[in-house]
PDB file of all heavy atoms in Angstrom:
ATOM      1  N   ARG A   1     -23.013  17.211  28.610  1.00  0.00           N
ATOM      2  CA  ARG A   1     -22.169  16.478  29.622  1.00  0.00           C
ATOM      3  C   ARG A   1     -22.561  16.971  31.074  1.00  0.00           C
ATOM      4  O   ARG A   1     -22.223  16.284  32.074  1.00  0.00           O
ATOM      5  CB  ARG A   1     -20.663  16.769  29.332  1.00  0.00           C
ATOM      6  CG  ARG A   1     -20.295  18.206  29.536  1.00  0.00           C
ATOM      7  CD  ARG A   1     -18.717  18.327  29.311  1.00  0.00           C
ATOM      8  NE  ARG A   1     -18.311  19.744  29.470  1.00  0.00           N
ATOM      9  CZ  ARG A   1     -17.126  20.221  29.286  1.00  0.00           C
ATOM     10  NH1 ARG A   1     -16.199  19.280  28.878  1.00  0.00           N
ATOM     11  NH2 ARG A   1     -16.752  21.455  29.369  1.00  0.00           N
ATOM     12  N   ASP A   2     -23.276  18.107  31.163  1.00  0.00           N
ATOM     13  CA  ASP A   2     -23.575  18.619  32.537  1.00  0.00           C
ATOM     14  C   ASP A   2     -25.035  18.303  32.950  1.00  0.00           C
ATOM     15  O   ASP A   2     -25.448  18.754  34.068  1.00  0.00           O
ATOM     16  CB  ASP A   2     -23.348  20.199  32.500  1.00  0.00           C
ATOM     17  CG  ASP A   2     -21.942  20.612  32.326  1.00  0.00           C
ATOM     18  OD1 ASP A   2     -21.054  19.885  32.841  1.00  0.00           O
ATOM     19  OD2 ASP A   2     -21.754  21.468  31.621  1.00  0.00           O
ATOM     20  N   LEU A   3     -25.736  17.580  32.144  1.00  0.00           N
ATOM     21  CA  LEU A   3     -27.216  17.342  32.456  1.00  0.00           C
ATOM     22  C   LEU A   3     -27.427  16.592  33.814  1.00  0.00           C
ATOM     23  O   LEU A   3     -28.324  16.954  34.571  1.00  0.00           O
ATOM     24  CB  LEU A   3     -27.876  16.614  31.303  1.00  0.00           C
ATOM     25  CG  LEU A   3     -27.868  17.285  29.968  1.00  0.00           C
ATOM     26  CD1 LEU A   3     -28.685  16.598  28.931  1.00  0.00           C
ATOM     27  CD2 LEU A   3     -28.183  18.774  30.031  1.00  0.00           C
ATOM     28  N   PHE A   4     -26.594  15.678  34.114  1.00  0.00           N
ATOM     29  CA  PHE A   4     -26.761  14.890  35.269  1.00  0.00           C
ATOM     30  C   PHE A   4     -26.416  15.761  36.627  1.00  0.00           C
ATOM     31  O   PHE A   4     -26.868  15.300  37.637  1.00  0.00           O
ATOM     32  CB  PHE A   4     -25.944  13.623  35.347  1.00  0.00           C
ATOM     33  CG  PHE A   4     -26.583  12.530  34.529  1.00  0.00           C
ATOM     34  CD1 PHE A   4     -25.888  11.940  33.502  1.00  0.00           C
ATOM     35  CD2 PHE A   4     -27.824  11.943  34.836  1.00  0.00           C
ATOM     36  CE1 PHE A   4     -26.373  10.877  32.831  1.00  0.00           C
ATOM     37  CE2 PHE A   4     -28.392  10.870  34.162  1.00  0.00           C
ATOM     38  CZ  PHE A   4     -27.628  10.362  33.144  1.00  0.00           C
ATOM     39  N   SER A   5     -25.857  16.876  36.383  1.00  0.00           N
ATOM     40  CA  SER A   5     -25.498  17.664  37.503  1.00  0.00           C
ATOM     41  C   SER A   5     -26.764  18.539  37.979  1.00  0.00           C
ATOM     42  O   SER A   5     -26.552  19.309  38.956  1.00  0.00           O
ATOM     43  CB  SER A   5     -24.329  18.487  37.210  1.00  0.00           C
ATOM     44  OG  SER A   5     -24.469  19.418  36.195  1.00  0.00           O
ATOM     45  N   GLY A   6     -27.752  18.602  37.087  1.00  0.00           N
ATOM     46  CA  GLY A   6     -28.889  19.290  37.520  1.00  0.00           C
ATOM     47  C   GLY A   6     -28.730  20.855  37.230  1.00  0.00           C
ATOM     48  O   GLY A   6     -28.882  21.578  38.154  1.00  0.00           O
ATOM     49  N   VAL A   7     -28.291  21.195  36.121  1.00  0.00           N
ATOM     50  CA  VAL A   7     -27.891  22.636  35.831  1.00  0.00           C
ATOM     51  C   VAL A   7     -29.071  23.594  35.877  1.00  0.00           C
ATOM     52  O   VAL A   7     -28.915  24.742  36.063  1.00  0.00           O
ATOM     53  CB  VAL A   7     -27.173  22.712  34.448  1.00  0.00           C
ATOM     54  CG1 VAL A   7     -25.798  22.104  34.472  1.00  0.00           C
ATOM     55  CG2 VAL A   7     -28.025  22.102  33.293  1.00  0.00           C
ATOM     56  N   ALA A   8     -30.261  23.054  35.603  1.00  0.00           N
ATOM     57  CA  ALA A   8     -31.440  23.949  35.518  1.00  0.00           C
ATOM     58  C   ALA A   8     -32.702  23.032  35.889  1.00  0.00           C
ATOM     59  O   ALA A   8     -32.635  21.858  35.879  1.00  0.00           O
ATOM     60  CB  ALA A   8     -31.608  24.539  34.197  1.00  0.00           C
ATOM     61  N   ASP A   9     -33.785  23.635  36.133  1.00  0.00           N
ATOM     62  CA  ASP A   9     -35.026  23.029  36.347  1.00  0.00           C
ATOM     63  C   ASP A   9     -35.678  22.675  34.986  1.00  0.00           C
ATOM     64  O   ASP A   9     -36.463  21.690  34.953  1.00  0.00           O
ATOM     65  CB  ASP A   9     -36.069  23.894  37.154  1.00  0.00           C
ATOM     66  CG  ASP A   9     -35.478  24.237  38.581  1.00  0.00           C
ATOM     67  OD1 ASP A   9     -35.268  23.298  39.297  1.00  0.00           O
ATOM     68  OD2 ASP A   9     -35.198  25.410  38.747  1.00  0.00           O
ATOM     69  N   VAL A  10     -35.457  23.371  33.982  1.00  0.00           N
ATOM     70  CA  VAL A  10     -35.991  23.223  32.634  1.00  0.00           C
ATOM     71  C   VAL A  10     -34.886  23.306  31.534  1.00  0.00           C
ATOM     72  O   VAL A  10     -34.119  24.198  31.629  1.00  0.00           O
ATOM     73  CB  VAL A  10     -37.192  24.192  32.291  1.00  0.00           C
ATOM     74  CG1 VAL A  10     -37.816  23.916  30.902  1.00  0.00           C
ATOM     75  CG2 VAL A  10     -38.192  24.205  33.445  1.00  0.00           C
ATOM     76  N   LEU A  11     -34.897  22.318  30.702  1.00  0.00           N
ATOM     77  CA  LEU A  11     -33.905  22.321  29.613  1.00  0.00           C
ATOM     78  C   LEU A  11     -34.682  22.240  28.234  1.00  0.00           C
ATOM     79  O   LEU A  11     -35.508  21.373  28.173  1.00  0.00           O
ATOM     80  CB  LEU A  11     -33.000  21.111  29.749  1.00  0.00           C
ATOM     81  CG  LEU A  11     -31.932  20.970  28.469  1.00  0.00           C
ATOM     82  CD1 LEU A  11     -30.874  21.939  28.833  1.00  0.00           C
ATOM     83  CD2 LEU A  11     -31.376  19.537  28.528  1.00  0.00           C
ATOM     84  N   VAL A  12     -34.489  23.210  27.393  1.00  0.00           N
ATOM     85  CA  VAL A  12     -35.127  23.266  26.114  1.00  0.00           C
ATOM     86  C   VAL A  12     -34.106  22.867  24.955  1.00  0.00           C
ATOM     87  O   VAL A  12     -32.952  23.280  24.977  1.00  0.00           O
ATOM     88  CB  VAL A  12     -35.724  24.588  25.851  1.00  0.00           C
ATOM     89  CG1 VAL A  12     -36.885  24.896  26.815  1.00  0.00           C
ATOM     90  CG2 VAL A  12     -34.842  25.714  25.926  1.00  0.00           C
ATOM     91  N   THR A  13     -34.716  22.180  23.993  1.00  0.00           N
ATOM     92  CA  THR A  13     -33.885  21.760  22.877  1.00  0.00           C
ATOM     93  C   THR A  13     -34.903  21.355  21.715  1.00  0.00           C
ATOM     94  O   THR A  13     -36.072  21.229  21.980  1.00  0.00           O
ATOM     95  CB  THR A  13     -32.923  20.634  23.178  1.00  0.00           C
ATOM     96  OG1 THR A  13     -32.137  20.320  21.954  1.00  0.00           O
ATOM     97  CG2 THR A  13     -33.692  19.472  23.620  1.00  0.00           C
ATOM     98  N   ASP A  14     -34.405  21.150  20.542  1.00  0.00           N
ATOM     99  CA  ASP A  14     -35.258  20.634  19.441  1.00  0.00           C
ATOM    100  C   ASP A  14     -35.541  19.140  19.669  1.00  0.00           C
ATOM    101  O   ASP A  14     -34.748  18.408  20.364  1.00  0.00           O
ATOM    102  CB  ASP A  14     -34.567  20.875  18.072  1.00  0.00           C
ATOM    103  CG  ASP A  14     -33.344  20.136  17.953  1.00  0.00           C
ATOM    104  OD1 ASP A  14     -32.232  20.649  18.296  1.00  0.00           O
ATOM    105  OD2 ASP A  14     -33.319  18.953  17.446  1.00  0.00           O
ATOM    106  N   GLY A  15     -36.612  18.686  19.026  1.00  0.00           N
ATOM    107  CA  GLY A  15     -37.007  17.272  19.218  1.00  0.00           C
ATOM    108  C   GLY A  15     -36.005  16.293  18.789  1.00  0.00           C
ATOM    109  O   GLY A  15     -35.877  15.192  19.397  1.00  0.00           O
ATOM    110  N   PHE A  16     -35.305  16.487  17.755  1.00  0.00           N
ATOM    111  CA  PHE A  16     -34.331  15.541  17.215  1.00  0.00           C
ATOM    112  C   PHE A  16     -33.190  15.419  18.247  1.00  0.00           C
ATOM    113  O   PHE A  16     -32.848  14.241  18.551  1.00  0.00           O
ATOM    114  CB  PHE A  16     -33.800  16.054  15.909  1.00  0.00           C
ATOM    115  CG  PHE A  16     -32.699  15.018  15.277  1.00  0.00           C
ATOM    116  CD1 PHE A  16     -33.165  14.049  14.445  1.00  0.00           C
ATOM    117  CD2 PHE A  16     -31.351  15.239  15.545  1.00  0.00           C
ATOM    118  CE1 PHE A  16     -32.274  13.231  13.876  1.00  0.00           C
ATOM    119  CE2 PHE A  16     -30.432  14.314  15.016  1.00  0.00           C
ATOM    120  CZ  PHE A  16     -30.885  13.355  14.240  1.00  0.00           C
ATOM    121  N   THR A  17     -32.671  16.478  18.770  1.00  0.00           N
ATOM    122  CA  THR A  17     -31.525  16.434  19.701  1.00  0.00           C
ATOM    123  C   THR A  17     -32.081  15.871  21.055  1.00  0.00           C
ATOM    124  O   THR A  17     -31.438  15.072  21.619  1.00  0.00           O
ATOM    125  CB  THR A  17     -30.957  17.833  19.887  1.00  0.00           C
ATOM    126  OG1 THR A  17     -30.540  18.366  18.663  1.00  0.00           O
ATOM    127  CG2 THR A  17     -29.816  17.813  20.813  1.00  0.00           C
ATOM    128  N   GLY A  18     -33.214  16.332  21.485  1.00  0.00           N
ATOM    129  CA  GLY A  18     -33.757  15.906  22.762  1.00  0.00           C
ATOM    130  C   GLY A  18     -33.979  14.423  22.802  1.00  0.00           C
ATOM    131  O   GLY A  18     -33.609  13.791  23.784  1.00  0.00           O
ATOM    132  N   ASN A  19     -34.553  13.894  21.724  1.00  0.00           N
ATOM    133  CA  ASN A  19     -34.722  12.431  21.747  1.00  0.00           C
ATOM    134  C   ASN A  19     -33.497  11.644  21.685  1.00  0.00           C
ATOM    135  O   ASN A  19     -33.311  10.640  22.441  1.00  0.00           O
ATOM    136  CB  ASN A  19     -35.509  12.057  20.389  1.00  0.00           C
ATOM    137  CG  ASN A  19     -36.103  10.662  20.450  1.00  0.00           C
ATOM    138  OD1 ASN A  19     -35.320   9.763  19.971  1.00  0.00           O
ATOM    139  ND2 ASN A  19     -37.204  10.450  20.928  1.00  0.00           N
ATOM    140  N   ALA A  20     -32.406  12.125  20.951  1.00  0.00           N
ATOM    141  CA  ALA A  20     -31.140  11.433  20.921  1.00  0.00           C
ATOM    142  C   ALA A  20     -30.456  11.433  22.300  1.00  0.00           C
ATOM    143  O   ALA A  20     -29.856  10.520  22.798  1.00  0.00           O
ATOM    144  CB  ALA A  20     -30.234  12.023  19.902  1.00  0.00           C
ATOM    145  N   VAL A  21     -30.537  12.607  22.974  1.00  0.00           N
ATOM    146  CA  VAL A  21     -29.916  12.866  24.308  1.00  0.00           C
ATOM    147  C   VAL A  21     -30.566  11.911  25.370  1.00  0.00           C
ATOM    148  O   VAL A  21     -29.896  11.188  26.144  1.00  0.00           O
ATOM    149  CB  VAL A  21     -29.931  14.329  24.729  1.00  0.00           C
ATOM    150  CG1 VAL A  21     -29.675  14.468  26.198  1.00  0.00           C
ATOM    151  CG2 VAL A  21     -29.055  15.138  23.899  1.00  0.00           C
ATOM    152  N   LEU A  22     -31.891  11.965  25.307  1.00  0.00           N
ATOM    153  CA  LEU A  22     -32.601  11.089  26.269  1.00  0.00           C
ATOM    154  C   LEU A  22     -32.266   9.619  26.140  1.00  0.00           C
ATOM    155  O   LEU A  22     -31.940   8.896  27.158  1.00  0.00           O
ATOM    156  CB  LEU A  22     -34.114  11.249  26.112  1.00  0.00           C
ATOM    157  CG  LEU A  22     -35.011  10.488  27.198  1.00  0.00           C
ATOM    158  CD1 LEU A  22     -34.684  11.046  28.663  1.00  0.00           C
ATOM    159  CD2 LEU A  22     -36.439  10.608  26.859  1.00  0.00           C
ATOM    160  N   LYS A  23     -32.204   9.135  24.949  1.00  0.00           N
ATOM    161  CA  LYS A  23     -31.951   7.649  24.711  1.00  0.00           C
ATOM    162  C   LYS A  23     -30.467   7.351  25.061  1.00  0.00           C
ATOM    163  O   LYS A  23     -30.171   6.335  25.557  1.00  0.00           O
ATOM    164  CB  LYS A  23     -32.249   7.366  23.207  1.00  0.00           C
ATOM    165  CG  LYS A  23     -33.682   7.336  22.955  1.00  0.00           C
ATOM    166  CD  LYS A  23     -34.053   6.946  21.578  1.00  0.00           C
ATOM    167  CE  LYS A  23     -35.597   6.817  21.303  1.00  0.00           C
ATOM    168  NZ  LYS A  23     -35.933   6.610  19.959  1.00  0.00           N
ATOM    169  N   SER A  24     -29.598   8.340  24.812  1.00  0.00           N
ATOM    170  CA  SER A  24     -28.191   8.204  25.239  1.00  0.00           C
ATOM    171  C   SER A  24     -28.056   8.083  26.674  1.00  0.00           C
ATOM    172  O   SER A  24     -27.395   7.246  27.280  1.00  0.00           O
ATOM    173  CB  SER A  24     -27.381   9.384  24.627  1.00  0.00           C
ATOM    174  OG  SER A  24     -26.086   9.247  25.094  1.00  0.00           O
ATOM    175  N   MET A  25     -28.812   8.872  27.425  1.00  0.00           N
ATOM    176  CA  MET A  25     -28.719   8.941  28.951  1.00  0.00           C
ATOM    177  C   MET A  25     -29.302   7.574  29.447  1.00  0.00           C
ATOM    178  O   MET A  25     -28.754   7.001  30.426  1.00  0.00           O
ATOM    179  CB  MET A  25     -29.527  10.125  29.461  1.00  0.00           C
ATOM    180  CG  MET A  25     -28.919  11.475  29.165  1.00  0.00           C
ATOM    181  SD  MET A  25     -29.963  12.833  29.724  1.00  0.00           S
ATOM    182  CE  MET A  25     -29.719  12.785  31.448  1.00  0.00           C
ATOM    183  N   GLU A  26     -30.412   7.104  28.990  1.00  0.00           N
ATOM    184  CA  GLU A  26     -30.965   5.938  29.390  1.00  0.00           C
ATOM    185  C   GLU A  26     -30.140   4.713  29.103  1.00  0.00           C
ATOM    186  O   GLU A  26     -29.926   3.822  29.976  1.00  0.00           O
ATOM    187  CB  GLU A  26     -32.358   5.674  28.691  1.00  0.00           C
ATOM    188  CG  GLU A  26     -33.404   6.668  29.124  1.00  0.00           C
ATOM    189  CD  GLU A  26     -34.757   6.401  28.344  1.00  0.00           C
ATOM    190  OE1 GLU A  26     -34.698   5.657  27.366  1.00  0.00           O
ATOM    191  OE2 GLU A  26     -35.715   7.022  28.677  1.00  0.00           O
ATOM    192  N   GLY A  27     -29.447   4.738  27.962  1.00  0.00           N
ATOM    193  CA  GLY A  27     -28.498   3.664  27.528  1.00  0.00           C
ATOM    194  C   GLY A  27     -27.245   3.677  28.413  1.00  0.00           C
ATOM    195  O   GLY A  27     -26.864   2.629  28.808  1.00  0.00           O
ATOM    196  N   THR A  28     -26.791   4.842  28.735  1.00  0.00           N
ATOM    197  CA  THR A  28     -25.638   4.961  29.568  1.00  0.00           C
ATOM    198  C   THR A  28     -26.016   4.462  31.013  1.00  0.00           C
ATOM    199  O   THR A  28     -25.094   3.726  31.605  1.00  0.00           O
ATOM    200  CB  THR A  28     -25.221   6.409  29.761  1.00  0.00           C
ATOM    201  OG1 THR A  28     -24.815   6.899  28.339  1.00  0.00           O
ATOM    202  CG2 THR A  28     -23.979   6.548  30.707  1.00  0.00           C
ATOM    203  N   ALA A  29     -27.090   4.845  31.504  1.00  0.00           N
ATOM    204  CA  ALA A  29     -27.517   4.313  32.908  1.00  0.00           C
ATOM    205  C   ALA A  29     -27.597   2.810  32.916  1.00  0.00           C
ATOM    206  O   ALA A  29     -27.105   2.185  33.834  1.00  0.00           O
ATOM    207  CB  ALA A  29     -28.782   4.953  33.256  1.00  0.00           C
ATOM    208  N   LEU A  30     -28.294   2.206  31.876  1.00  0.00           N
ATOM    209  CA  LEU A  30     -28.324   0.776  31.821  1.00  0.00           C
ATOM    210  C   LEU A  30     -27.014   0.042  31.691  1.00  0.00           C
ATOM    211  O   LEU A  30     -26.765  -0.886  32.306  1.00  0.00           O
ATOM    212  CB  LEU A  30     -29.294   0.405  30.626  1.00  0.00           C
ATOM    213  CG  LEU A  30     -30.741   0.700  30.776  1.00  0.00           C
ATOM    214  CD1 LEU A  30     -31.537   0.460  29.524  1.00  0.00           C
ATOM    215  CD2 LEU A  30     -31.451  -0.094  31.931  1.00  0.00           C
ATOM    216  N   THR A  31     -26.112   0.657  30.880  1.00  0.00           N
ATOM    217  CA  THR A  31     -24.796   0.052  30.640  1.00  0.00           C
ATOM    218  C   THR A  31     -23.926   0.043  31.981  1.00  0.00           C
ATOM    219  O   THR A  31     -23.290  -0.905  32.277  1.00  0.00           O
ATOM    220  CB  THR A  31     -24.103   0.834  29.583  1.00  0.00           C
ATOM    221  OG1 THR A  31     -24.778   0.748  28.351  1.00  0.00           O
ATOM    222  CG2 THR A  31     -22.677   0.274  29.397  1.00  0.00           C
ATOM    223  N   ILE A  32     -24.030   1.191  32.759  1.00  0.00           N
ATOM    224  CA  ILE A  32     -23.409   1.296  33.921  1.00  0.00           C
ATOM    225  C   ILE A  32     -23.758   0.230  34.967  1.00  0.00           C
ATOM    226  O   ILE A  32     -22.918  -0.442  35.535  1.00  0.00           O
ATOM    227  CB  ILE A  32     -23.562   2.658  34.611  1.00  0.00           C
ATOM    228  CG1 ILE A  32     -22.779   3.771  33.783  1.00  0.00           C
ATOM    229  CG2 ILE A  32     -23.024   2.712  36.095  1.00  0.00           C
ATOM    230  CD1 ILE A  32     -22.948   5.138  34.140  1.00  0.00           C
ATOM    231  N   MET A  33     -25.110   0.064  35.040  1.00  0.00           N
ATOM    232  CA  MET A  33     -25.591  -0.973  35.973  1.00  0.00           C
ATOM    233  C   MET A  33     -25.226  -2.418  35.462  1.00  0.00           C
ATOM    234  O   MET A  33     -24.846  -3.295  36.365  1.00  0.00           O
ATOM    235  CB  MET A  33     -27.081  -0.944  36.094  1.00  0.00           C
ATOM    236  CG  MET A  33     -27.568   0.385  36.798  1.00  0.00           C
ATOM    237  SD  MET A  33     -26.816   0.668  38.351  1.00  0.00           S
ATOM    238  CE  MET A  33     -27.231  -0.860  39.322  1.00  0.00           C
ATOM    239  N   GLN A  34     -25.186  -2.669  34.133  1.00  0.00           N
ATOM    240  CA  GLN A  34     -24.787  -3.969  33.680  1.00  0.00           C
ATOM    241  C   GLN A  34     -23.362  -4.133  33.980  1.00  0.00           C
ATOM    242  O   GLN A  34     -22.911  -5.370  34.293  1.00  0.00           O
ATOM    243  CB  GLN A  34     -25.125  -4.066  32.151  1.00  0.00           C
ATOM    244  CG  GLN A  34     -26.626  -4.147  31.824  1.00  0.00           C
ATOM    245  CD  GLN A  34     -26.830  -3.978  30.378  1.00  0.00           C
ATOM    246  OE1 GLN A  34     -25.963  -3.729  29.598  1.00  0.00           O
ATOM    247  NE2 GLN A  34     -28.153  -4.094  30.025  1.00  0.00           N
ATOM    248  N   LEU A  35     -22.490  -3.145  33.752  1.00  0.00           N
ATOM    249  CA  LEU A  35     -21.026  -3.336  34.012  1.00  0.00           C
ATOM    250  C   LEU A  35     -20.750  -3.621  35.452  1.00  0.00           C
ATOM    251  O   LEU A  35     -19.966  -4.483  35.807  1.00  0.00           O
ATOM    252  CB  LEU A  35     -20.339  -2.008  33.610  1.00  0.00           C
ATOM    253  CG  LEU A  35     -20.193  -1.804  32.068  1.00  0.00           C
ATOM    254  CD1 LEU A  35     -19.575  -0.435  31.832  1.00  0.00           C
ATOM    255  CD2 LEU A  35     -19.359  -2.853  31.447  1.00  0.00           C
ATOM    256  N   LEU A  36     -21.432  -2.987  36.352  1.00  0.00           N
ATOM    257  CA  LEU A  36     -21.306  -3.229  37.812  1.00  0.00           C
ATOM    258  C   LEU A  36     -21.765  -4.629  38.168  1.00  0.00           C
ATOM    259  O   LEU A  36     -21.052  -5.298  38.923  1.00  0.00           O
ATOM    260  CB  LEU A  36     -22.066  -2.151  38.605  1.00  0.00           C
ATOM    261  CG  LEU A  36     -21.563  -0.754  38.675  1.00  0.00           C
ATOM    262  CD1 LEU A  36     -22.616   0.211  39.270  1.00  0.00           C
ATOM    263  CD2 LEU A  36     -20.290  -0.650  39.484  1.00  0.00           C
ATOM    264  N   THR A  37     -22.870  -5.075  37.626  1.00  0.00           N
ATOM    265  CA  THR A  37     -23.326  -6.373  37.956  1.00  0.00           C
ATOM    266  C   THR A  37     -22.390  -7.408  37.414  1.00  0.00           C
ATOM    267  O   THR A  37     -22.131  -8.404  38.109  1.00  0.00           O
ATOM    268  CB  THR A  37     -24.782  -6.556  37.224  1.00  0.00           C
ATOM    269  OG1 THR A  37     -25.601  -5.578  37.759  1.00  0.00           O
ATOM    270  CG2 THR A  37     -25.290  -7.995  37.647  1.00  0.00           C
ATOM    271  N   THR A  38     -21.930  -7.284  36.195  1.00  0.00           N
ATOM    272  CA  THR A  38     -20.998  -8.298  35.615  1.00  0.00           C
ATOM    273  C   THR A  38     -19.766  -8.313  36.408  1.00  0.00           C
ATOM    274  O   THR A  38     -19.118  -9.412  36.676  1.00  0.00           O
ATOM    275  CB  THR A  38     -20.742  -7.896  34.143  1.00  0.00           C
ATOM    276  OG1 THR A  38     -21.937  -7.845  33.384  1.00  0.00           O
ATOM    277  CG2 THR A  38     -19.746  -8.856  33.512  1.00  0.00           C
TER     278      THR A  38
END
């Protein structure tokens, strides 16, 4: 939940978790823009 606040310069995690987190962040960003536009 703190990733967008820029808690560190480098974040390490396993590949399964990292992939899920990245896609979740991208999806959230796209959803926010779609909600604003609508």
